[in-house]
């Protein structure tokens, strides 16, 4: 029934899912993204200050992560009893799709700069290809500033001076790590939404995991999923509804009594959700 709905609507709003460790099971999240051709993972990392404590109150960075290739392609094998190997898959078509998407996203959203992070000083063929494609496509967008950074120093600058970044595009593994760093600097990984975009389907979810330590206790903060819903509504061109939900969420956060435990309050998941509903304009 779920697959039937996804094939019909081409849109999926998904709660966090955990993949059991061991037994050789592949990540359910990765499988969903690959099976639906969702090549772009878009993760806005925006401060909600002053209502949520932030190391960078003015932060507004979007991480655009390649979603199907790199070390997450799941190509692993055992060479000997003591040696295992994971292959890093980078293709020109995959690079072109994600880099062009990042520039088109920047242009559509009025963003001024796209930064590319790789480790091509070491991985000269794989990350070198990503960097080469980035430079080629950047030349087609003279209205948008572009830059390339080695991921080490790029991550350090993103953590300490996030205001110098606007849109960041990166291969799969780096993008995953960078988006968690950026979300934590903005406020908390627990508040960050995520969109997975393909040519024929889109999936919206929270960046955070399934948090089994608090499952069933009614204390989880639903902010990330609500912000993911806002992203989904905008994808569906329901801008007015998306703005109303976002305004209600921010209004609810203004009242300390509505905040969940991770934000220093005592509200339960349902109490916070009810507060958001009450604030809907």
C-alpha atoms as a PDB file:
ATOM      1  CA  UNK A   1       0.000   0.000   0.000  1.00  0.00           C
ATOM      2  CA  UNK A   2       2.828   2.405   0.872  1.00  0.00           C
ATOM      3  CA  UNK A   3       4.681   1.681  -2.371  1.00  0.00           C
ATOM      4  CA  UNK A   4       1.460   2.115  -4.328  1.00  0.00           C
ATOM      5  CA  UNK A   5       0.992   5.559  -2.790  1.00  0.00           C
ATOM      6  CA  UNK A   6       4.602   6.559  -3.477  1.00  0.00           C
ATOM      7  CA  UNK A   7       4.376   5.483  -7.122  1.00  0.00           C
ATOM      8  CA  UNK A   8       1.122   7.410  -7.513  1.00  0.00           C
ATOM      9  CA  UNK A   9       2.073  10.681  -5.783  1.00  0.00           C
ATOM     10  CA  UNK A  10       5.874  10.548  -6.253  1.00  0.00           C
ATOM     11  CA  UNK A  11       6.203  12.145  -2.801  1.00  0.00           C
ATOM     12  CA  UNK A  12       7.172  10.492   0.484  1.00  0.00           C
ATOM     13  CA  UNK A  13       7.094  12.030   3.984  1.00  0.00           C
ATOM     14  CA  UNK A  14       9.172   9.671   6.109  1.00  0.00           C
ATOM     15  CA  UNK A  15       9.908   9.306   9.808  1.00  0.00           C
ATOM     16  CA  UNK A  16      13.391   8.148  10.916  1.00  0.00           C
ATOM     17  CA  UNK A  17      14.144   4.475  10.243  1.00  0.00           C
ATOM     18  CA  UNK A  18      16.916   2.413  11.840  1.00  0.00           C
ATOM     19  CA  UNK A  19      18.659  -0.427  10.003  1.00  0.00           C
ATOM     20  CA  UNK A  20      19.569  -3.367  12.298  1.00  0.00           C
ATOM     21  CA  UNK A  21      23.311  -3.750  12.812  1.00  0.00           C
ATOM     22  CA  UNK A  22      24.959  -6.951  11.579  1.00  0.00           C
ATOM     23  CA  UNK A  23      23.559  -9.627   9.302  1.00  0.00           C
ATOM     24  CA  UNK A  24      24.599  -7.807   6.132  1.00  0.00           C
ATOM     25  CA  UNK A  25      21.396  -5.741   5.857  1.00  0.00           C
ATOM     26  CA  UNK A  26      21.756  -2.649   3.673  1.00  0.00           C
ATOM     27  CA  UNK A  27      20.525   0.709   4.927  1.00  0.00           C
ATOM     28  CA  UNK A  28      16.790   1.124   4.356  1.00  0.00           C
ATOM     29  CA  UNK A  29      17.324   4.852   3.847  1.00  0.00           C
ATOM     30  CA  UNK A  30      19.988   4.339   1.170  1.00  0.00           C
ATOM     31  CA  UNK A  31      17.852   1.684  -0.540  1.00  0.00           C
ATOM     32  CA  UNK A  32      14.860   4.039  -0.688  1.00  0.00           C
ATOM     33  CA  UNK A  33      16.915   6.860  -2.156  1.00  0.00           C
ATOM     34  CA  UNK A  34      18.537   4.668  -4.806  1.00  0.00           C
ATOM     35  CA  UNK A  35      15.370   2.779  -5.774  1.00  0.00           C
ATOM     36  CA  UNK A  36      13.506   6.055  -6.321  1.00  0.00           C
ATOM     37  CA  UNK A  37      16.404   7.765  -8.103  1.00  0.00           C
ATOM     38  CA  UNK A  38      16.767  10.534  -5.532  1.00  0.00           C
ATOM     39  CA  UNK A  39      20.198  11.830  -6.468  1.00  0.00           C
ATOM     40  CA  UNK A  40      20.172  15.059  -4.409  1.00  0.00           C
ATOM     41  CA  UNK A  41      19.988  15.366  -0.637  1.00  0.00           C
ATOM     42  CA  UNK A  42      19.198  18.962   0.354  1.00  0.00           C
ATOM     43  CA  UNK A  43      19.765  19.908   3.997  1.00  0.00           C
ATOM     44  CA  UNK A  44      19.102  23.518   5.070  1.00  0.00           C
ATOM     45  CA  UNK A  45      21.020  24.409   8.232  1.00  0.00           C
ATOM     46  CA  UNK A  46      19.343  27.560   9.516  1.00  0.00           C
ATOM     47  CA  UNK A  47      19.590  29.084  12.980  1.00  0.00           C
ATOM     48  CA  UNK A  48      16.351  29.471  14.949  1.00  0.00           C
ATOM     49  CA  UNK A  49      17.963  31.992  17.312  1.00  0.00           C
ATOM     50  CA  UNK A  50      17.034  33.606  19.633  1.00  0.00           C
ATOM     51  CA  UNK A  51      14.452  30.921  20.449  1.00  0.00           C
ATOM     52  CA  UNK A  52      17.007  28.122  20.121  1.00  0.00           C
ATOM     53  CA  UNK A  53      20.590  28.610  21.322  1.00  0.00           C
ATOM     54  CA  UNK A  54      23.003  28.794  18.388  1.00  0.00           C
ATOM     55  CA  UNK A  55      26.750  29.154  17.936  1.00  0.00           C
ATOM     56  CA  UNK A  56      25.999  31.163  14.789  1.00  0.00           C
ATOM     57  CA  UNK A  57      22.736  33.126  15.173  1.00  0.00           C
ATOM     58  CA  UNK A  58      22.854  34.421  11.572  1.00  0.00           C
ATOM     59  CA  UNK A  59      23.605  31.034  10.006  1.00  0.00           C
ATOM     60  CA  UNK A  60      21.754  30.117   6.810  1.00  0.00           C
ATOM     61  CA  UNK A  61      23.624  27.427   4.863  1.00  0.00           C
ATOM     62  CA  UNK A  62      22.281  24.719   2.551  1.00  0.00           C
ATOM     63  CA  UNK A  63      24.231  21.478   2.113  1.00  0.00           C
ATOM     64  CA  UNK A  64      23.589  19.755  -1.231  1.00  0.00           C
ATOM     65  CA  UNK A  65      24.849  16.184  -0.991  1.00  0.00           C
ATOM     66  CA  UNK A  66      25.189  13.637  -3.786  1.00  0.00           C
ATOM     67  CA  UNK A  67      22.891  10.824  -2.733  1.00  0.00           C
ATOM     68  CA  UNK A  68      23.617   7.657  -4.737  1.00  0.00           C
ATOM     69  CA  UNK A  69      27.342   7.187  -5.258  1.00  0.00           C
ATOM     70  CA  UNK A  70      30.642   7.481  -3.369  1.00  0.00           C
ATOM     71  CA  UNK A  71      31.340   5.049  -0.514  1.00  0.00           C
ATOM     72  CA  UNK A  72      27.585   4.833   0.145  1.00  0.00           C
ATOM     73  CA  UNK A  73      27.050   2.895  -3.081  1.00  0.00           C
ATOM     74  CA  UNK A  74      27.340  -0.185  -0.863  1.00  0.00           C
ATOM     75  CA  UNK A  75      29.988  -1.995  -2.916  1.00  0.00           C
ATOM     76  CA  UNK A  76      31.853  -3.953  -0.242  1.00  0.00           C
ATOM     77  CA  UNK A  77      33.551  -7.327  -0.231  1.00  0.00           C
ATOM     78  CA  UNK A  78      35.976  -9.410   1.779  1.00  0.00           C
ATOM     79  CA  UNK A  79      39.353  -9.864   0.117  1.00  0.00           C
ATOM     80  CA  UNK A  80      40.775 -12.257   2.698  1.00  0.00           C
ATOM     81  CA  UNK A  81      39.826 -13.378   6.171  1.00  0.00           C
ATOM     82  CA  UNK A  82      41.472 -10.274   7.605  1.00  0.00           C
ATOM     83  CA  UNK A  83      40.874  -7.692   4.877  1.00  0.00           C
ATOM     84  CA  UNK A  84      37.641  -6.068   3.711  1.00  0.00           C
ATOM     85  CA  UNK A  85      37.255  -3.466   0.990  1.00  0.00           C
ATOM     86  CA  UNK A  86      34.747  -0.722   0.165  1.00  0.00           C
ATOM     87  CA  UNK A  87      34.789   0.832  -3.310  1.00  0.00           C
ATOM     88  CA  UNK A  88      34.365   4.572  -3.864  1.00  0.00           C
ATOM     89  CA  UNK A  89      32.157   5.018  -6.930  1.00  0.00           C
ATOM     90  CA  UNK A  90      32.173   8.430  -8.624  1.00  0.00           C
ATOM     91  CA  UNK A  91      30.759   8.898 -12.146  1.00  0.00           C
ATOM     92  CA  UNK A  92      30.746  11.913 -14.440  1.00  0.00           C
ATOM     93  CA  UNK A  93      26.935  11.763 -14.923  1.00  0.00           C
ATOM     94  CA  UNK A  94      26.469  11.582 -11.147  1.00  0.00           C
ATOM     95  CA  UNK A  95      28.763  14.564 -10.600  1.00  0.00           C
ATOM     96  CA  UNK A  96      27.074  16.579 -13.333  1.00  0.00           C
ATOM     97  CA  UNK A  97      23.595  15.923 -11.910  1.00  0.00           C
ATOM     98  CA  UNK A  98      24.400  17.020  -8.376  1.00  0.00           C
ATOM     99  CA  UNK A  99      26.620  19.979  -9.237  1.00  0.00           C
ATOM    100  CA  UNK A 100      24.134  21.365 -11.750  1.00  0.00           C
ATOM    101  CA  UNK A 101      21.347  20.855  -9.222  1.00  0.00           C
ATOM    102  CA  UNK A 102      23.328  22.874  -6.644  1.00  0.00           C
ATOM    103  CA  UNK A 103      23.763  25.803  -9.036  1.00  0.00           C
ATOM    104  CA  UNK A 104      20.139  25.675 -10.203  1.00  0.00           C
ATOM    105  CA  UNK A 105      19.016  25.569  -6.562  1.00  0.00           C
ATOM    106  CA  UNK A 106      21.217  28.560  -5.757  1.00  0.00           C
ATOM    107  CA  UNK A 107      19.839  30.548  -8.684  1.00  0.00           C
ATOM    108  CA  UNK A 108      16.204  29.651  -7.945  1.00  0.00           C
ATOM    109  CA  UNK A 109      16.554  30.537  -4.255  1.00  0.00           C
ATOM    110  CA  UNK A 110      18.514  33.758  -4.719  1.00  0.00           C
ATOM    111  CA  UNK A 111      21.717  32.329  -3.244  1.00  0.00           C
ATOM    112  CA  UNK A 112      24.986  34.056  -4.103  1.00  0.00           C
ATOM    113  CA  UNK A 113      27.676  31.387  -3.842  1.00  0.00           C
ATOM    114  CA  UNK A 114      28.244  27.648  -4.274  1.00  0.00           C
ATOM    115  CA  UNK A 115      31.192  26.026  -2.489  1.00  0.00           C
ATOM    116  CA  UNK A 116      32.515  22.582  -3.415  1.00  0.00           C
ATOM    117  CA  UNK A 117      34.269  20.386  -0.837  1.00  0.00           C
ATOM    118  CA  UNK A 118      36.432  17.417  -1.909  1.00  0.00           C
ATOM    119  CA  UNK A 119      39.662  15.655  -0.963  1.00  0.00           C
ATOM    120  CA  UNK A 120      41.153  15.685  -4.447  1.00  0.00           C
ATOM    121  CA  UNK A 121      44.649  16.397  -3.167  1.00  0.00           C
ATOM    122  CA  UNK A 122      44.655  12.719  -2.103  1.00  0.00           C
ATOM    123  CA  UNK A 123      41.929  11.006  -4.173  1.00  0.00           C
ATOM    124  CA  UNK A 124      42.971  12.513  -7.474  1.00  0.00           C
ATOM    125  CA  UNK A 125      40.779  10.395  -9.760  1.00  0.00           C
ATOM    126  CA  UNK A 126      37.502  10.133  -7.824  1.00  0.00           C
ATOM    127  CA  UNK A 127      37.357  13.454  -5.988  1.00  0.00           C
ATOM    128  CA  UNK A 128      39.401  14.936  -8.817  1.00  0.00           C
ATOM    129  CA  UNK A 129      36.543  14.153 -11.208  1.00  0.00           C
ATOM    130  CA  UNK A 130      34.020  15.801  -8.880  1.00  0.00           C
ATOM    131  CA  UNK A 131      36.199  18.941  -8.689  1.00  0.00           C
ATOM    132  CA  UNK A 132      36.729  19.011 -12.462  1.00  0.00           C
ATOM    133  CA  UNK A 133      33.002  18.759 -13.156  1.00  0.00           C
ATOM    134  CA  UNK A 134      32.322  21.464 -10.568  1.00  0.00           C
ATOM    135  CA  UNK A 135      34.687  23.879 -12.311  1.00  0.00           C
ATOM    136  CA  UNK A 136      33.174  23.075 -15.724  1.00  0.00           C
ATOM    137  CA  UNK A 137      29.602  23.677 -14.604  1.00  0.00           C
ATOM    138  CA  UNK A 138      30.475  26.718 -12.465  1.00  0.00           C
ATOM    139  CA  UNK A 139      31.630  28.437 -15.669  1.00  0.00           C
ATOM    140  CA  UNK A 140      28.035  28.207 -16.958  1.00  0.00           C
ATOM    141  CA  UNK A 141      26.767  30.271 -14.001  1.00  0.00           C
ATOM    142  CA  UNK A 142      28.772  33.533 -14.051  1.00  0.00           C
ATOM    143  CA  UNK A 143      26.141  35.209 -11.867  1.00  0.00           C
ATOM    144  CA  UNK A 144      26.933  32.844  -8.975  1.00  0.00           C
ATOM    145  CA  UNK A 145      30.246  32.929  -7.123  1.00  0.00           C
ATOM    146  CA  UNK A 146      32.002  29.569  -6.879  1.00  0.00           C
ATOM    147  CA  UNK A 147      34.887  28.179  -4.859  1.00  0.00           C
ATOM    148  CA  UNK A 148      36.540  24.857  -4.059  1.00  0.00           C
ATOM    149  CA  UNK A 149      37.962  23.837  -0.684  1.00  0.00           C
ATOM    150  CA  UNK A 150      39.721  20.718   0.538  1.00  0.00           C
ATOM    151  CA  UNK A 151      37.166  19.141   2.851  1.00  0.00           C
ATOM    152  CA  UNK A 152      39.420  19.270   5.941  1.00  0.00           C
ATOM    153  CA  UNK A 153      39.803  23.041   6.018  1.00  0.00           C
ATOM    154  CA  UNK A 154      36.333  23.483   4.552  1.00  0.00           C
ATOM    155  CA  UNK A 155      34.766  21.646   7.476  1.00  0.00           C
ATOM    156  CA  UNK A 156      36.826  23.689   9.941  1.00  0.00           C
ATOM    157  CA  UNK A 157      35.701  26.953   8.358  1.00  0.00           C
ATOM    158  CA  UNK A 158      32.098  25.792   8.156  1.00  0.00           C
ATOM    159  CA  UNK A 159      32.199  25.109  11.906  1.00  0.00           C
ATOM    160  CA  UNK A 160      33.882  28.372  12.863  1.00  0.00           C
ATOM    161  CA  UNK A 161      32.769  30.840  10.174  1.00  0.00           C
ATOM    162  CA  UNK A 162      29.534  29.514   8.675  1.00  0.00           C
ATOM    163  CA  UNK A 163      28.466  32.989   7.562  1.00  0.00           C
ATOM    164  CA  UNK A 164      30.999  32.829   4.697  1.00  0.00           C
ATOM    165  CA  UNK A 165      29.064  29.947   3.097  1.00  0.00           C
ATOM    166  CA  UNK A 166      25.765  29.863   1.230  1.00  0.00           C
ATOM    167  CA  UNK A 167      25.306  26.590  -0.714  1.00  0.00           C
ATOM    168  CA  UNK A 168      27.804  23.749  -0.229  1.00  0.00           C
ATOM    169  CA  UNK A 169      27.911  20.809  -2.672  1.00  0.00           C
ATOM    170  CA  UNK A 170      29.849  17.637  -1.907  1.00  0.00           C
ATOM    171  CA  UNK A 171      30.099  13.909  -2.610  1.00  0.00           C
ATOM    172  CA  UNK A 172      27.936  11.607  -0.517  1.00  0.00           C
ATOM    173  CA  UNK A 173      30.144  10.834   2.501  1.00  0.00           C
ATOM    174  CA  UNK A 174      31.440  14.374   2.988  1.00  0.00           C
ATOM    175  CA  UNK A 175      27.956  15.807   2.541  1.00  0.00           C
ATOM    176  CA  UNK A 176      26.577  13.527   5.236  1.00  0.00           C
ATOM    177  CA  UNK A 177      29.246  14.571   7.739  1.00  0.00           C
ATOM    178  CA  UNK A 178      29.203  18.257   6.798  1.00  0.00           C
ATOM    179  CA  UNK A 179      25.434  18.546   7.135  1.00  0.00           C
ATOM    180  CA  UNK A 180      25.527  17.180  10.684  1.00  0.00           C
ATOM    181  CA  UNK A 181      28.319  19.603  11.596  1.00  0.00           C
ATOM    182  CA  UNK A 182      26.421  22.514  10.063  1.00  0.00           C
ATOM    183  CA  UNK A 183      23.143  21.545  11.735  1.00  0.00           C
ATOM    184  CA  UNK A 184      24.828  21.321  15.136  1.00  0.00           C
ATOM    185  CA  UNK A 185      26.477  24.721  14.685  1.00  0.00           C
ATOM    186  CA  UNK A 186      23.119  26.217  13.698  1.00  0.00           C
ATOM    187  CA  UNK A 187      21.429  24.817  16.796  1.00  0.00           C
ATOM    188  CA  UNK A 188      21.044  21.058  16.851  1.00  0.00           C
ATOM    189  CA  UNK A 189      21.015  18.077  14.506  1.00  0.00           C
ATOM    190  CA  UNK A 190      17.677  17.285  16.135  1.00  0.00           C
ATOM    191  CA  UNK A 191      16.134  20.368  14.504  1.00  0.00           C
ATOM    192  CA  UNK A 192      17.355  19.877  10.927  1.00  0.00           C
ATOM    193  CA  UNK A 193      15.103  18.835   8.004  1.00  0.00           C
ATOM    194  CA  UNK A 194      16.135  17.061   4.827  1.00  0.00           C
ATOM    195  CA  UNK A 195      14.817  16.652   1.291  1.00  0.00           C
ATOM    196  CA  UNK A 196      15.804  13.889  -1.124  1.00  0.00           C
ATOM    197  CA  UNK A 197      15.129  15.002  -4.680  1.00  0.00           C
ATOM    198  CA  UNK A 198      15.055  13.043  -7.938  1.00  0.00           C
ATOM    199  CA  UNK A 199      13.683  13.691 -11.413  1.00  0.00           C
ATOM    200  CA  UNK A 200      10.509  11.749 -10.660  1.00  0.00           C
ATOM    201  CA  UNK A 201      10.189  11.542  -6.880  1.00  0.00           C
ATOM    202  CA  UNK A 202      10.958  13.383  -3.657  1.00  0.00           C
ATOM    203  CA  UNK A 203      11.260  12.273  -0.030  1.00  0.00           C
ATOM    204  CA  UNK A 204      11.201  14.515   3.028  1.00  0.00           C
ATOM    205  CA  UNK A 205      12.493  13.559   6.464  1.00  0.00           C
ATOM    206  CA  UNK A 206      14.409  14.659   9.549  1.00  0.00           C
ATOM    207  CA  UNK A 207      18.212  14.579   9.503  1.00  0.00           C
ATOM    208  CA  UNK A 208      18.315  12.940  12.932  1.00  0.00           C
ATOM    209  CA  UNK A 209      18.041   9.192  13.480  1.00  0.00           C
ATOM    210  CA  UNK A 210      15.384   7.077  15.177  1.00  0.00           C
ATOM    211  CA  UNK A 211      16.631   7.811  18.744  1.00  0.00           C
ATOM    212  CA  UNK A 212      15.741   4.403  20.247  1.00  0.00           C
ATOM    213  CA  UNK A 213      16.759   5.629  23.712  1.00  0.00           C
ATOM    214  CA  UNK A 214      13.671   7.858  23.888  1.00  0.00           C
ATOM    215  CA  UNK A 215      11.296   5.845  21.685  1.00  0.00           C
ATOM    216  CA  UNK A 216       7.790   5.616  23.114  1.00  0.00           C
ATOM    217  CA  UNK A 217       8.417   8.180  25.868  1.00  0.00           C
ATOM    218  CA  UNK A 218       6.664  11.068  24.147  1.00  0.00           C
ATOM    219  CA  UNK A 219       9.571  13.459  24.649  1.00  0.00           C
ATOM    220  CA  UNK A 220      11.033  13.715  21.126  1.00  0.00           C
ATOM    221  CA  UNK A 221      11.212  17.138  19.530  1.00  0.00           C
ATOM    222  CA  UNK A 222       9.147  17.081  16.290  1.00  0.00           C
ATOM    223  CA  UNK A 223      10.653  20.311  14.928  1.00  0.00           C
ATOM    224  CA  UNK A 224      12.816  18.606  12.285  1.00  0.00           C
ATOM    225  CA  UNK A 225       9.872  16.647  10.890  1.00  0.00           C
ATOM    226  CA  UNK A 226       7.694  19.771  10.886  1.00  0.00           C
ATOM    227  CA  UNK A 227      10.385  21.676   8.982  1.00  0.00           C
ATOM    228  CA  UNK A 228      10.622  18.727   6.572  1.00  0.00           C
ATOM    229  CA  UNK A 229       6.872  19.083   6.055  1.00  0.00           C
ATOM    230  CA  UNK A 230       7.416  22.755   5.226  1.00  0.00           C
ATOM    231  CA  UNK A 231       9.990  21.719   2.610  1.00  0.00           C
ATOM    232  CA  UNK A 232       7.533  19.182   1.204  1.00  0.00           C
ATOM    233  CA  UNK A 233       4.744  21.757   0.952  1.00  0.00           C
ATOM    234  CA  UNK A 234       7.043  24.120  -0.927  1.00  0.00           C
ATOM    235  CA  UNK A 235       8.038  21.295  -3.261  1.00  0.00           C
ATOM    236  CA  UNK A 236       4.312  20.792  -3.926  1.00  0.00           C
ATOM    237  CA  UNK A 237       4.011  24.545  -4.628  1.00  0.00           C
ATOM    238  CA  UNK A 238       1.869  25.083  -1.532  1.00  0.00           C
ATOM    239  CA  UNK A 239       3.868  28.151  -0.501  1.00  0.00           C
ATOM    240  CA  UNK A 240       1.088  29.825   1.492  1.00  0.00           C
ATOM    241  CA  UNK A 241       0.437  26.725   3.599  1.00  0.00           C
ATOM    242  CA  UNK A 242       4.179  26.163   4.069  1.00  0.00           C
ATOM    243  CA  UNK A 243       4.638  29.726   5.317  1.00  0.00           C
ATOM    244  CA  UNK A 244       1.754  29.367   7.765  1.00  0.00           C
ATOM    245  CA  UNK A 245       3.191  26.175   9.240  1.00  0.00           C
ATOM    246  CA  UNK A 246       6.660  27.728   9.504  1.00  0.00           C
ATOM    247  CA  UNK A 247       5.301  30.856  11.182  1.00  0.00           C
ATOM    248  CA  UNK A 248       3.338  28.735  13.655  1.00  0.00           C
ATOM    249  CA  UNK A 249       6.420  26.666  14.489  1.00  0.00           C
ATOM    250  CA  UNK A 250       8.523  29.760  15.178  1.00  0.00           C
ATOM    251  CA  UNK A 251       5.704  31.306  17.220  1.00  0.00           C
ATOM    252  CA  UNK A 252       5.425  28.157  19.345  1.00  0.00           C
ATOM    253  CA  UNK A 253       9.179  28.168  20.008  1.00  0.00           C
ATOM    254  CA  UNK A 254       8.984  31.740  21.315  1.00  0.00           C
ATOM    255  CA  UNK A 255       7.140  30.511  24.411  1.00  0.00           C
ATOM    256  CA  UNK A 256       9.558  28.669  26.761  1.00  0.00           C
ATOM    257  CA  UNK A 257       6.715  26.549  28.128  1.00  0.00           C
ATOM    258  CA  UNK A 258       6.211  24.958  24.711  1.00  0.00           C
ATOM    259  CA  UNK A 259       9.790  23.718  24.333  1.00  0.00           C
ATOM    260  CA  UNK A 260      10.759  20.070  24.626  1.00  0.00           C
ATOM    261  CA  UNK A 261      13.471  18.785  26.957  1.00  0.00           C
ATOM    262  CA  UNK A 262      16.278  19.005  24.416  1.00  0.00           C
ATOM    263  CA  UNK A 263      15.631  22.764  24.271  1.00  0.00           C
ATOM    264  CA  UNK A 264      15.533  23.173  28.036  1.00  0.00           C
ATOM    265  CA  UNK A 265      11.759  22.879  28.454  1.00  0.00           C
ATOM    266  CA  UNK A 266       9.384  20.246  29.810  1.00  0.00           C
ATOM    267  CA  UNK A 267       6.803  19.970  27.015  1.00  0.00           C
ATOM    268  CA  UNK A 268       6.027  16.562  25.553  1.00  0.00           C
ATOM    269  CA  UNK A 269       5.982  15.823  21.831  1.00  0.00           C
ATOM    270  CA  UNK A 270       2.194  16.126  21.694  1.00  0.00           C
ATOM    271  CA  UNK A 271       2.140  19.312  23.778  1.00  0.00           C
ATOM    272  CA  UNK A 272       4.606  20.979  21.438  1.00  0.00           C
ATOM    273  CA  UNK A 273       2.596  19.844  18.403  1.00  0.00           C
ATOM    274  CA  UNK A 274      -0.604  21.197  19.968  1.00  0.00           C
ATOM    275  CA  UNK A 275       1.138  24.526  20.585  1.00  0.00           C
ATOM    276  CA  UNK A 276       2.116  24.728  16.910  1.00  0.00           C
ATOM    277  CA  UNK A 277      -1.476  24.012  15.854  1.00  0.00           C
ATOM    278  CA  UNK A 278      -2.729  26.702  18.227  1.00  0.00           C
ATOM    279  CA  UNK A 279      -0.341  29.217  16.636  1.00  0.00           C
ATOM    280  CA  UNK A 280      -1.478  28.580  13.057  1.00  0.00           C
ATOM    281  CA  UNK A 281      -2.551  31.897  11.512  1.00  0.00           C
END
